[in-house]
């Protein structure tokens, strides 16, 4: 048995279309209740991050996604007020017309990068969105 503290692992999913419009969910729970965020959540024990991303996208958006790329890992120990959490970010495509807020999502909406100035984002998702914007453009 290990006595070392270990960070939690999460996934965040950037679901987008050919116009680079993307989906965010409004969080139903704390932390960051009522803020916009990527669909995502904790990786279950014994689950791959890829399967967690597909599961979390479906649970929160009702969309079956096709993961296109593992984008980047974000590991700042202060990124989540609940404790040290490492997130694996995936770029994914899916039928956005099938979107429906569910599970931990209070609301779901399609945004464009031009909307970034007016969005109150959870965690470090603004930085992640800027990194994705730089990557896609």
Foldseek 3Di string as FASTA:
>chain_A
DDPDDDAFEKEFEWEADPVRKTKWFQFCDDDNHRATEGQMDTADVPGDNVVRHQVSCCQAWVWRKDFDDFDDKDFDQPLHPVTGYIYTYTYIYTDNVRTDGHDRGPGMDIGHPVCLVPGGHHGCRSVVVVVVVVVVD
